[in-house]
Amino acid sequence: MGAFPSRSSMPTRNRGFTLVEILVAMAVVVILASLVTPMIITAVKREKEHELRLSLRQLRQAIDDYKQAGDQGRIPRLPGETGYPKNLEILALGVRDQLDPTGRRIYFLRRMPRDPFANDAIAAVDTWGKRAYGSDPDNPQPGADVFDVYSLSPATGLNGTAYRQW
């Protein structure tokens, strides 16, 4: 026999991973996850902020359109009223157009948008804070009409501004 051991006399090695290889792979996965997670959280928050901006813009435009329709005489208004809607629901439910001989309704929203930072169990209309026309902008209070809306979320945006102030 030669100086080299034959293949048949060498111990066979199982073809699995060693504990060190598994630990190194897990460490790499943990490092990658710790780098990606904050980016995912920021991306989700940014998307919700975008949705909040769109919802606020849509609601505010509908409130302004309602006021304009009232100023044009298309919506009945009693003397002394501001012309702003009494509640947010009326924007989606619609009102009868006084200038239309067939009595068709004017709709200002297709559906009531919801605050993306609010609890899903709450009705969409209840996710918004409402400011009456006579209310102070620094301390918005509900009242006989809805002049403006704001988020009820106590959180702060990526830009450092509280969502309530958007």
N, C-alpha and C. Protein backbone atom coordinates (compact mmCIF):
# COMPACT_ATOMS: atom_id res chain seq x y z
N MET A 1 0.83 -1.17 0.00
CA MET A 1 0.00 0.00 0.00
C MET A 1 0.88 1.24 0.00
N GLY A 2 0.31 2.32 -0.51
CA GLY A 2 1.07 3.54 -0.65
C GLY A 2 1.04 4.37 0.62
N ALA A 3 1.64 5.54 0.52
CA ALA A 3 1.73 6.45 1.65
C ALA A 3 0.42 7.17 1.92
N PHE A 4 -0.43 7.16 0.95
CA PHE A 4 -1.71 7.86 1.11
C PHE A 4 -2.79 6.88 1.50
N PRO A 5 -3.65 7.29 2.46
CA PRO A 5 -4.74 6.39 2.82
C PRO A 5 -5.74 6.29 1.68
N SER A 6 -6.34 5.17 1.55
CA SER A 6 -7.33 4.99 0.49
C SER A 6 -8.62 5.72 0.85
N ARG A 7 -9.40 6.01 -0.16
CA ARG A 7 -10.68 6.71 0.05
C ARG A 7 -11.59 5.91 0.96
N SER A 8 -11.55 4.66 0.88
CA SER A 8 -12.46 3.85 1.68
C SER A 8 -12.11 3.89 3.16
N SER A 9 -10.86 4.21 3.52
CA SER A 9 -10.49 4.26 4.92
C SER A 9 -10.70 5.64 5.54
N MET A 10 -11.01 6.72 4.73
CA MET A 10 -11.24 8.07 5.27
C MET A 10 -12.65 8.16 5.82
N PRO A 11 -12.81 8.87 6.94
CA PRO A 11 -14.17 9.04 7.48
C PRO A 11 -15.00 9.91 6.54
N THR A 12 -16.26 9.57 6.36
CA THR A 12 -17.14 10.34 5.49
C THR A 12 -17.75 11.48 6.27
N ARG A 13 -17.91 12.61 5.62
CA ARG A 13 -18.46 13.81 6.26
C ARG A 13 -19.90 13.95 5.80
N ASN A 14 -20.79 14.25 6.74
CA ASN A 14 -22.18 14.52 6.37
C ASN A 14 -22.23 15.82 5.60
N ARG A 15 -23.12 15.95 4.68
CA ARG A 15 -23.18 17.11 3.82
C ARG A 15 -24.15 18.16 4.36
N GLY A 16 -24.11 18.54 5.59
CA GLY A 16 -24.97 19.57 6.19
C GLY A 16 -24.18 20.82 6.48
N PHE A 17 -24.83 21.78 7.15
CA PHE A 17 -24.16 23.02 7.53
C PHE A 17 -23.65 22.88 8.94
N THR A 18 -22.53 23.52 9.21
CA THR A 18 -22.01 23.51 10.56
C THR A 18 -22.72 24.58 11.37
N LEU A 19 -22.61 24.49 12.67
CA LEU A 19 -23.24 25.47 13.56
C LEU A 19 -22.68 26.87 13.29
N VAL A 20 -21.42 26.98 13.02
CA VAL A 20 -20.80 28.28 12.74
C VAL A 20 -21.37 28.87 11.45
N GLU A 21 -21.55 28.07 10.43
CA GLU A 21 -22.12 28.57 9.17
C GLU A 21 -23.55 29.07 9.38
N ILE A 22 -24.33 28.36 10.16
CA ILE A 22 -25.71 28.78 10.44
C ILE A 22 -25.72 30.08 11.23
N LEU A 23 -24.85 30.21 12.22
CA LEU A 23 -24.80 31.43 13.03
C LEU A 23 -24.36 32.63 12.20
N VAL A 24 -23.42 32.45 11.30
CA VAL A 24 -22.97 33.53 10.43
C VAL A 24 -24.11 33.96 9.49
N ALA A 25 -24.82 33.01 8.93
CA ALA A 25 -25.95 33.32 8.04
C ALA A 25 -27.03 34.08 8.81
N MET A 26 -27.33 33.62 10.02
CA MET A 26 -28.35 34.32 10.84
C MET A 26 -27.90 35.73 11.19
N ALA A 27 -26.63 35.90 11.48
CA ALA A 27 -26.12 37.24 11.81
C ALA A 27 -26.25 38.18 10.62
N VAL A 28 -25.98 37.69 9.43
CA VAL A 28 -26.13 38.50 8.22
C VAL A 28 -27.59 38.89 8.02
N VAL A 29 -28.50 37.95 8.21
CA VAL A 29 -29.94 38.23 8.06
C VAL A 29 -30.40 39.27 9.09
N VAL A 30 -29.94 39.14 10.33
CA VAL A 30 -30.32 40.09 11.38
C VAL A 30 -29.80 41.49 11.06
N ILE A 31 -28.59 41.59 10.59
CA ILE A 31 -28.01 42.89 10.23
C ILE A 31 -28.80 43.52 9.09
N LEU A 32 -29.11 42.74 8.06
CA LEU A 32 -29.89 43.27 6.94
C LEU A 32 -31.28 43.70 7.39
N ALA A 33 -31.91 42.91 8.25
CA ALA A 33 -33.25 43.25 8.74
C ALA A 33 -33.21 44.53 9.57
N SER A 34 -32.17 44.69 10.39
CA SER A 34 -32.08 45.90 11.21
C SER A 34 -31.82 47.15 10.36
N LEU A 35 -31.24 46.98 9.19
CA LEU A 35 -31.03 48.11 8.29
C LEU A 35 -32.28 48.44 7.49
N VAL A 36 -33.04 47.43 7.12
CA VAL A 36 -34.21 47.62 6.26
C VAL A 36 -35.45 48.04 7.05
N THR A 37 -35.61 47.56 8.27
CA THR A 37 -36.82 47.83 9.06
C THR A 37 -37.10 49.32 9.22
N PRO A 38 -36.15 50.16 9.62
CA PRO A 38 -36.46 51.58 9.74
C PRO A 38 -36.91 52.21 8.42
N MET A 39 -36.33 51.74 7.32
CA MET A 39 -36.72 52.28 6.01
C MET A 39 -38.16 51.89 5.69
N ILE A 40 -38.55 50.68 6.04
CA ILE A 40 -39.93 50.23 5.79
C ILE A 40 -40.90 51.01 6.66
N ILE A 41 -40.56 51.21 7.92
CA ILE A 41 -41.42 51.97 8.83
C ILE A 41 -41.58 53.40 8.33
N THR A 42 -40.51 54.02 7.89
CA THR A 42 -40.58 55.37 7.35
C THR A 42 -41.41 55.42 6.08
N ALA A 43 -41.26 54.43 5.22
CA ALA A 43 -42.04 54.40 3.98
C ALA A 43 -43.53 54.26 4.27
N VAL A 44 -43.89 53.43 5.23
CA VAL A 44 -45.30 53.27 5.60
C VAL A 44 -45.85 54.57 6.17
N LYS A 45 -45.08 55.22 7.04
CA LYS A 45 -45.52 56.49 7.62
C LYS A 45 -45.65 57.56 6.54
N ARG A 46 -44.71 57.59 5.62
CA ARG A 46 -44.77 58.57 4.53
C ARG A 46 -46.02 58.36 3.68
N GLU A 47 -46.37 57.11 3.42
CA GLU A 47 -47.58 56.80 2.64
C GLU A 47 -48.85 57.25 3.38
N LYS A 48 -48.89 57.01 4.70
CA LYS A 48 -50.04 57.46 5.49
C LYS A 48 -50.12 58.99 5.51
N GLU A 49 -48.99 59.65 5.58
CA GLU A 49 -48.98 61.12 5.55
C GLU A 49 -49.49 61.63 4.21
N HIS A 50 -49.11 60.97 3.13
CA HIS A 50 -49.60 61.35 1.81
C HIS A 50 -51.12 61.19 1.74
N GLU A 51 -51.61 60.09 2.28
CA GLU A 51 -53.05 59.84 2.32
C GLU A 51 -53.76 60.89 3.18
N LEU A 52 -53.15 61.29 4.29
CA LEU A 52 -53.73 62.33 5.14
C LEU A 52 -53.81 63.65 4.40
N ARG A 53 -52.75 64.02 3.70
CA ARG A 53 -52.76 65.27 2.92
C ARG A 53 -53.89 65.27 1.88
N LEU A 54 -54.02 64.15 1.18
CA LEU A 54 -55.06 64.05 0.16
C LEU A 54 -56.45 64.12 0.77
N SER A 55 -56.66 63.43 1.88
CA SER A 55 -57.97 63.44 2.53
C SER A 55 -58.32 64.83 3.05
N LEU A 56 -57.36 65.51 3.66
CA LEU A 56 -57.61 66.88 4.15
C LEU A 56 -57.93 67.81 2.98
N ARG A 57 -57.18 67.69 1.89
CA ARG A 57 -57.43 68.53 0.72
C ARG A 57 -58.82 68.26 0.15
N GLN A 58 -59.19 67.00 0.08
CA GLN A 58 -60.49 66.62 -0.46
C GLN A 58 -61.63 67.15 0.42
N LEU A 59 -61.49 66.99 1.72
CA LEU A 59 -62.53 67.48 2.64
C LEU A 59 -62.63 69.00 2.61
N ARG A 60 -61.51 69.67 2.64
CA ARG A 60 -61.53 71.13 2.63
C ARG A 60 -62.10 71.68 1.33
N GLN A 61 -61.78 71.03 0.21
CA GLN A 61 -62.35 71.45 -1.06
C GLN A 61 -63.86 71.25 -1.07
N ALA A 62 -64.33 70.13 -0.52
CA ALA A 62 -65.77 69.87 -0.47
C ALA A 62 -66.47 70.90 0.42
N ILE A 63 -65.86 71.28 1.53
CA ILE A 63 -66.45 72.31 2.41
C ILE A 63 -66.53 73.64 1.66
N ASP A 64 -65.47 73.99 0.96
CA ASP A 64 -65.47 75.24 0.19
C ASP A 64 -66.50 75.20 -0.94
N ASP A 65 -66.64 74.06 -1.60
CA ASP A 65 -67.63 73.92 -2.67
C ASP A 65 -69.05 74.05 -2.11
N TYR A 66 -69.28 73.49 -0.94
CA TYR A 66 -70.59 73.61 -0.30
C TYR A 66 -70.90 75.08 0.00
N LYS A 67 -69.93 75.78 0.53
CA LYS A 67 -70.09 77.21 0.84
C LYS A 67 -70.39 77.99 -0.44
N GLN A 68 -69.66 77.70 -1.51
CA GLN A 68 -69.86 78.40 -2.77
C GLN A 68 -71.26 78.12 -3.32
N ALA A 69 -71.71 76.88 -3.24
CA ALA A 69 -73.06 76.54 -3.72
C ALA A 69 -74.11 77.28 -2.89
N GLY A 70 -73.86 77.44 -1.62
CA GLY A 70 -74.79 78.21 -0.78
C GLY A 70 -74.79 79.68 -1.16
N ASP A 71 -73.62 80.22 -1.45
CA ASP A 71 -73.52 81.63 -1.86
C ASP A 71 -74.22 81.87 -3.20
N GLN A 72 -74.26 80.84 -4.05
CA GLN A 72 -74.92 80.94 -5.35
C GLN A 72 -76.43 80.71 -5.25
N GLY A 73 -76.92 80.40 -4.08
CA GLY A 73 -78.35 80.17 -3.90
C GLY A 73 -78.81 78.77 -4.25
N ARG A 74 -77.89 77.86 -4.43
CA ARG A 74 -78.27 76.49 -4.79
C ARG A 74 -78.65 75.66 -3.57
N ILE A 75 -78.23 76.10 -2.40
CA ILE A 75 -78.51 75.39 -1.15
C ILE A 75 -79.28 76.35 -0.25
N PRO A 76 -80.37 75.89 0.37
CA PRO A 76 -81.13 76.79 1.25
C PRO A 76 -80.28 77.21 2.46
N ARG A 77 -80.41 78.50 2.80
CA ARG A 77 -79.65 79.02 3.94
C ARG A 77 -80.52 80.02 4.67
N LEU A 78 -80.60 79.85 5.96
CA LEU A 78 -81.37 80.76 6.79
C LEU A 78 -80.55 82.02 7.09
N PRO A 79 -81.22 83.14 7.33
CA PRO A 79 -80.48 84.37 7.67
C PRO A 79 -79.63 84.14 8.93
N GLY A 80 -78.43 84.65 8.88
CA GLY A 80 -77.52 84.52 10.02
C GLY A 80 -76.64 83.28 9.97
N GLU A 81 -76.93 82.35 9.08
CA GLU A 81 -76.08 81.17 8.95
C GLU A 81 -74.85 81.51 8.13
N THR A 82 -73.77 80.80 8.38
CA THR A 82 -72.50 81.08 7.70
C THR A 82 -72.45 80.53 6.29
N GLY A 83 -73.24 79.52 6.01
CA GLY A 83 -73.20 78.89 4.69
C GLY A 83 -72.31 77.67 4.65
N TYR A 84 -71.62 77.37 5.73
CA TYR A 84 -70.80 76.16 5.79
C TYR A 84 -71.69 74.99 6.22
N PRO A 85 -71.31 73.76 5.87
CA PRO A 85 -72.17 72.61 6.21
C PRO A 85 -72.33 72.45 7.71
N LYS A 86 -73.50 71.95 8.11
CA LYS A 86 -73.76 71.74 9.54
C LYS A 86 -72.99 70.53 10.07
N ASN A 87 -72.68 69.59 9.17
CA ASN A 87 -71.90 68.41 9.55
C ASN A 87 -71.18 67.89 8.30
N LEU A 88 -70.29 66.96 8.50
CA LEU A 88 -69.53 66.42 7.37
C LEU A 88 -70.35 65.41 6.55
N GLU A 89 -71.29 64.74 7.18
CA GLU A 89 -72.07 63.72 6.49
C GLU A 89 -72.81 64.29 5.28
N ILE A 90 -73.28 65.54 5.40
CA ILE A 90 -74.06 66.16 4.34
C ILE A 90 -73.26 66.28 3.04
N LEU A 91 -71.94 66.33 3.15
CA LEU A 91 -71.10 66.45 1.96
C LEU A 91 -71.18 65.20 1.09
N ALA A 92 -71.31 64.04 1.74
CA ALA A 92 -71.40 62.79 0.99
C ALA A 92 -72.85 62.41 0.69
N LEU A 93 -73.78 62.80 1.57
CA LEU A 93 -75.19 62.48 1.35
C LEU A 93 -75.82 63.37 0.29
N GLY A 94 -75.28 64.57 0.16
CA GLY A 94 -75.78 65.50 -0.84
C GLY A 94 -76.95 66.33 -0.34
N VAL A 95 -77.24 67.41 -1.06
CA VAL A 95 -78.36 68.30 -0.74
C VAL A 95 -79.11 68.60 -2.04
N ARG A 96 -80.38 68.93 -1.88
CA ARG A 96 -81.21 69.24 -3.04
C ARG A 96 -80.78 70.58 -3.63
N ASP A 97 -80.62 70.61 -4.95
CA ASP A 97 -80.24 71.82 -5.66
C ASP A 97 -81.50 72.65 -5.90
N GLN A 98 -81.58 73.81 -5.27
CA GLN A 98 -82.75 74.68 -5.37
C GLN A 98 -82.92 75.28 -6.77
N LEU A 99 -81.85 75.37 -7.53
CA LEU A 99 -81.93 75.96 -8.86
C LEU A 99 -82.24 74.94 -9.95
N ASP A 100 -82.23 73.68 -9.61
CA ASP A 100 -82.53 72.63 -10.59
C ASP A 100 -84.03 72.33 -10.54
N PRO A 101 -84.75 72.50 -11.66
CA PRO A 101 -86.20 72.28 -11.65
C PRO A 101 -86.59 70.83 -11.36
N THR A 102 -85.69 69.89 -11.63
CA THR A 102 -86.00 68.49 -11.35
C THR A 102 -85.66 68.10 -9.91
N GLY A 103 -85.01 68.98 -9.18
CA GLY A 103 -84.70 68.72 -7.78
C GLY A 103 -83.56 67.74 -7.55
N ARG A 104 -82.66 67.67 -8.51
CA ARG A 104 -81.51 66.78 -8.33
C ARG A 104 -80.67 67.22 -7.14
N ARG A 105 -79.89 66.27 -6.65
CA ARG A 105 -79.04 66.54 -5.48
C ARG A 105 -77.63 66.92 -5.94
N ILE A 106 -76.98 67.72 -5.11
CA ILE A 106 -75.57 68.08 -5.33
C ILE A 106 -74.76 67.28 -4.33
N TYR A 107 -73.78 66.54 -4.83
CA TYR A 107 -72.89 65.76 -3.98
C TYR A 107 -71.51 66.41 -4.01
N PHE A 108 -70.92 66.56 -2.84
CA PHE A 108 -69.61 67.20 -2.75
C PHE A 108 -68.49 66.19 -2.52
N LEU A 109 -68.86 64.99 -2.07
CA LEU A 109 -67.91 63.89 -1.88
C LEU A 109 -68.55 62.60 -2.36
N ARG A 110 -67.77 61.73 -2.95
CA ARG A 110 -68.28 60.40 -3.32
C ARG A 110 -68.41 59.54 -2.08
N ARG A 111 -67.44 59.66 -1.22
CA ARG A 111 -67.46 58.93 0.06
C ARG A 111 -66.69 59.77 1.07
N MET A 112 -66.96 59.51 2.32
CA MET A 112 -66.28 60.24 3.38
C MET A 112 -64.89 59.65 3.58
N PRO A 113 -63.83 60.44 3.35
CA PRO A 113 -62.48 59.91 3.60
C PRO A 113 -62.24 59.77 5.09
N ARG A 114 -61.34 58.90 5.46
CA ARG A 114 -61.03 58.72 6.87
C ARG A 114 -59.59 59.15 7.14
N ASP A 115 -59.34 59.50 8.36
CA ASP A 115 -57.99 59.84 8.79
C ASP A 115 -57.18 58.54 8.83
N PRO A 116 -56.11 58.44 8.06
CA PRO A 116 -55.35 57.19 8.01
C PRO A 116 -54.65 56.85 9.33
N PHE A 117 -54.54 57.81 10.22
CA PHE A 117 -53.90 57.55 11.51
C PHE A 117 -54.91 57.19 12.60
N ALA A 118 -56.19 57.14 12.25
CA ALA A 118 -57.24 56.83 13.22
C ALA A 118 -57.48 55.32 13.28
N ASN A 119 -58.09 54.91 14.36
CA ASN A 119 -58.46 53.52 14.57
C ASN A 119 -59.49 53.10 13.52
N ASP A 120 -59.33 51.92 12.96
CA ASP A 120 -60.24 51.44 11.91
C ASP A 120 -61.64 51.15 12.44
N ALA A 121 -61.79 50.99 13.75
CA ALA A 121 -63.10 50.67 14.32
C ALA A 121 -64.01 51.90 14.36
N ILE A 122 -63.44 53.08 14.18
CA ILE A 122 -64.21 54.33 14.25
C ILE A 122 -64.76 54.65 12.86
N ALA A 123 -65.99 55.17 12.83
CA ALA A 123 -66.58 55.58 11.55
C ALA A 123 -65.73 56.69 10.94
N ALA A 124 -65.68 56.73 9.62
CA ALA A 124 -64.81 57.68 8.91
C ALA A 124 -65.10 59.13 9.32
N VAL A 125 -66.35 59.48 9.48
CA VAL A 125 -66.70 60.86 9.81
C VAL A 125 -66.23 61.24 11.22
N ASP A 126 -66.10 60.25 12.10
CA ASP A 126 -65.69 60.53 13.48
C ASP A 126 -64.17 60.55 13.65
N THR A 127 -63.43 60.31 12.58
CA THR A 127 -61.97 60.33 12.69
C THR A 127 -61.41 61.74 12.57
N TRP A 128 -62.27 62.70 12.24
CA TRP A 128 -61.81 64.07 12.02
C TRP A 128 -62.23 64.99 13.15
N GLY A 129 -61.34 65.93 13.49
CA GLY A 129 -61.70 67.02 14.37
C GLY A 129 -62.38 68.09 13.53
N LYS A 130 -63.38 68.74 14.09
CA LYS A 130 -64.13 69.74 13.33
C LYS A 130 -63.99 71.11 13.99
N ARG A 131 -63.76 72.10 13.16
CA ARG A 131 -63.63 73.48 13.64
C ARG A 131 -64.79 74.29 13.08
N ALA A 132 -65.50 74.95 13.96
CA ALA A 132 -66.61 75.81 13.55
C ALA A 132 -66.08 77.14 13.03
N TYR A 133 -66.92 77.85 12.29
CA TYR A 133 -66.53 79.12 11.70
C TYR A 133 -66.10 80.13 12.77
N GLY A 134 -66.81 80.19 13.85
CA GLY A 134 -66.50 81.16 14.91
C GLY A 134 -65.41 80.71 15.86
N SER A 135 -64.79 79.59 15.62
CA SER A 135 -63.78 79.03 16.51
C SER A 135 -62.40 79.63 16.22
N ASP A 136 -61.62 79.76 17.28
CA ASP A 136 -60.25 80.28 17.17
C ASP A 136 -59.37 79.26 16.47
N PRO A 137 -58.56 79.66 15.48
CA PRO A 137 -57.70 78.69 14.77
C PRO A 137 -56.69 77.99 15.67
N ASP A 138 -56.24 78.66 16.72
CA ASP A 138 -55.26 78.04 17.61
C ASP A 138 -55.91 77.06 18.59
N ASN A 139 -57.21 77.17 18.77
CA ASN A 139 -57.94 76.29 19.67
C ASN A 139 -59.25 75.88 18.99
N PRO A 140 -59.18 75.03 17.96
CA PRO A 140 -60.38 74.69 17.19
C PRO A 140 -61.42 73.98 18.04
N GLN A 141 -62.67 74.42 17.90
CA GLN A 141 -63.78 73.84 18.63
C GLN A 141 -64.92 73.55 17.66
N PRO A 142 -65.66 72.46 17.89
CA PRO A 142 -66.84 72.21 17.05
C PRO A 142 -67.93 73.21 17.39
N GLY A 143 -68.88 73.35 16.48
CA GLY A 143 -69.97 74.29 16.70
C GLY A 143 -71.14 73.99 15.80
N ALA A 144 -71.84 75.04 15.38
CA ALA A 144 -73.05 74.90 14.57
C ALA A 144 -72.75 74.54 13.12
N ASP A 145 -71.52 74.70 12.68
CA ASP A 145 -71.15 74.38 11.31
C ASP A 145 -69.75 73.77 11.29
N VAL A 146 -69.31 73.37 10.10
CA VAL A 146 -67.95 72.83 9.93
C VAL A 146 -67.22 73.73 8.95
N PHE A 147 -66.32 74.52 9.49
CA PHE A 147 -65.52 75.45 8.69
C PHE A 147 -64.22 74.80 8.23
N ASP A 148 -63.67 73.91 9.06
CA ASP A 148 -62.41 73.25 8.74
C ASP A 148 -62.35 71.91 9.47
N VAL A 149 -61.43 71.06 9.03
CA VAL A 149 -61.21 69.75 9.65
C VAL A 149 -59.72 69.60 9.94
N TYR A 150 -59.42 68.73 10.87
CA TYR A 150 -58.03 68.44 11.22
C TYR A 150 -57.94 67.03 11.76
N SER A 151 -56.74 66.48 11.77
CA SER A 151 -56.51 65.13 12.27
C SER A 151 -56.57 65.14 13.79
N LEU A 152 -57.13 64.10 14.37
CA LEU A 152 -57.19 63.95 15.82
C LEU A 152 -55.97 63.20 16.36
N SER A 153 -55.08 62.78 15.48
CA SER A 153 -53.90 62.02 15.88
C SER A 153 -52.95 62.90 16.70
N PRO A 154 -52.46 62.39 17.83
CA PRO A 154 -51.49 63.14 18.62
C PRO A 154 -50.06 63.03 18.08
N ALA A 155 -49.87 62.25 17.04
CA ALA A 155 -48.53 61.99 16.50
C ALA A 155 -47.98 63.19 15.74
N THR A 156 -46.69 63.14 15.48
CA THR A 156 -45.99 64.18 14.75
C THR A 156 -45.50 63.60 13.42
N GLY A 157 -45.55 64.41 12.37
CA GLY A 157 -45.14 63.97 11.05
C GLY A 157 -43.64 63.90 10.89
N LEU A 158 -43.22 63.37 9.77
CA LEU A 158 -41.79 63.28 9.47
C LEU A 158 -41.15 64.66 9.38
N ASN A 159 -41.95 65.68 9.09
CA ASN A 159 -41.43 67.05 9.00
C ASN A 159 -41.38 67.75 10.35
N GLY A 160 -41.79 67.07 11.43
CA GLY A 160 -41.74 67.64 12.77
C GLY A 160 -42.99 68.40 13.17
N THR A 161 -43.98 68.50 12.30
CA THR A 161 -45.22 69.21 12.60
C THR A 161 -46.28 68.21 13.05
N ALA A 162 -47.00 68.56 14.09
CA ALA A 162 -48.08 67.68 14.57
C ALA A 162 -49.16 67.55 13.50
N TYR A 163 -49.71 66.35 13.36
CA TYR A 163 -50.75 66.12 12.36
C TYR A 163 -51.96 67.01 12.60
N ARG A 164 -52.23 67.37 13.83
CA ARG A 164 -53.37 68.24 14.16
C ARG A 164 -53.23 69.61 13.50
N GLN A 165 -52.01 70.01 13.18
CA GLN A 165 -51.77 71.34 12.63
C GLN A 165 -51.68 71.35 11.11
N TRP A 166 -51.87 70.22 10.47
CA TRP A 166 -51.78 70.16 9.01
C TRP A 166 -52.95 70.82 8.37
